[in-house]
């Protein structure tokens, strides 16, 4: 425990695939830190619940969340957003 904060804070992009309680904690950290977040949908676990969880939070943090059901497209989209927008913050 505790390594999640260091890992998330030192990352520019955070991607979620499936997951359970640990993933939920990492999502909360990434969202609160305003990270660029990628969610691979259709993989079960927390990943398929992210949009509902974040909607329930009703908190604006500056995080950008991308939902894609194809791993290659998810990485491509995240890198594009990072290069064009997110890295400028």
Protein backbone atom coordinates (compact mmCIF):
# COMPACT_ATOMS: atom_id res chain seq x y z
CA UNK A 1 0.00 0.00 0.00
CA UNK A 2 1.15 3.51 -0.71
CA UNK A 3 2.99 2.79 -3.94
CA UNK A 4 -0.17 3.70 -5.85
CA UNK A 5 0.22 7.37 -4.99
CA UNK A 6 3.84 7.46 -6.15
CA UNK A 7 3.06 5.53 -9.34
CA UNK A 8 0.06 7.66 -10.28
CA UNK A 9 1.65 11.01 -9.42
CA UNK A 10 4.74 10.20 -11.49
CA UNK A 11 2.67 9.17 -14.54
CA UNK A 12 1.49 11.43 -17.34
CA UNK A 13 -1.10 8.94 -18.56
CA UNK A 14 -2.91 6.25 -16.57
CA UNK A 15 -4.73 3.38 -18.28
CA UNK A 16 -7.22 1.04 -16.63
CA UNK A 17 -8.01 -2.47 -17.81
CA UNK A 18 -10.37 -4.56 -15.70
CA UNK A 19 -9.40 -4.35 -12.05
CA UNK A 20 -10.87 -4.53 -8.57
CA UNK A 21 -10.40 -2.68 -5.27
CA UNK A 22 -6.78 -1.65 -5.95
CA UNK A 23 -7.79 -0.28 -9.32
CA UNK A 24 -10.57 1.68 -7.69
CA UNK A 25 -8.05 3.37 -5.39
CA UNK A 26 -5.73 4.13 -8.30
CA UNK A 27 -8.64 5.60 -10.26
CA UNK A 28 -9.48 7.90 -7.36
CA UNK A 29 -5.89 9.12 -7.14
CA UNK A 30 -5.56 9.63 -10.90
CA UNK A 31 -8.86 11.48 -11.07
CA UNK A 32 -8.04 13.73 -8.10
CA UNK A 33 -4.60 14.47 -9.59
CA UNK A 34 -6.19 15.60 -12.87
CA UNK A 35 -4.45 12.95 -14.95
CA UNK A 36 -5.16 11.87 -18.50
CA UNK A 37 -7.00 8.59 -17.96
CA UNK A 38 -7.68 5.83 -20.45
CA UNK A 39 -10.26 3.15 -19.79
CA UNK A 40 -10.34 -0.01 -21.88
CA UNK A 41 -14.04 -0.82 -21.87
CA UNK A 42 -15.48 -4.29 -22.07
CA UNK A 43 -12.78 -5.78 -19.86
CA UNK A 44 -14.92 -6.23 -16.75
CA UNK A 45 -14.20 -5.14 -13.21
CA UNK A 46 -13.78 -1.51 -12.24
CA UNK A 47 -13.06 -0.45 -15.83
CA UNK A 48 -16.64 -1.09 -16.84
CA UNK A 49 -17.90 0.97 -13.89
CA UNK A 50 -15.65 4.03 -14.22
CA UNK A 51 -18.13 6.35 -15.93
CA UNK A 52 -20.76 5.73 -13.26
CA UNK A 53 -18.25 6.11 -10.43
CA UNK A 54 -16.95 9.42 -11.76
CA UNK A 55 -20.47 10.70 -12.40
CA UNK A 56 -21.37 9.91 -8.80
CA UNK A 57 -18.32 11.85 -7.57
CA UNK A 58 -19.61 15.11 -9.08
CA UNK A 59 -16.17 16.67 -8.78
CA UNK A 60 -14.23 18.60 -11.40
CA UNK A 61 -10.51 17.90 -11.15
CA UNK A 62 -9.19 18.65 -14.61
CA UNK A 63 -8.84 14.95 -15.37
CA UNK A 64 -9.60 13.87 -18.92
CA UNK A 65 -11.08 10.40 -19.29
CA UNK A 66 -11.12 8.49 -22.57
CA UNK A 67 -13.23 5.35 -23.00
CA UNK A 68 -12.31 2.99 -25.86
CA UNK A 69 -12.96 -0.71 -26.42
CA UNK A 70 -9.85 -1.42 -28.51
CA UNK A 71 -6.39 -1.42 -26.86
CA UNK A 72 -4.49 -0.07 -29.86
CA UNK A 73 -7.02 2.72 -30.43
CA UNK A 74 -6.97 3.58 -26.73
CA UNK A 75 -3.19 4.05 -26.69
CA UNK A 76 -3.28 5.99 -29.97
CA UNK A 77 -6.00 8.32 -28.67
CA UNK A 78 -4.27 8.87 -25.33
CA UNK A 79 -0.96 9.75 -26.99
CA UNK A 80 -2.69 12.13 -29.38
CA UNK A 81 -4.47 13.94 -26.56
CA UNK A 82 -1.32 14.06 -24.48
CA UNK A 83 0.76 15.56 -27.28
CA UNK A 84 -1.87 18.07 -28.43
CA UNK A 85 -3.48 19.17 -25.17
CA UNK A 86 -2.64 17.60 -21.86
CA UNK A 87 1.13 18.09 -21.88
CA UNK A 88 0.63 21.83 -22.29
CA UNK A 89 -1.01 22.18 -18.86
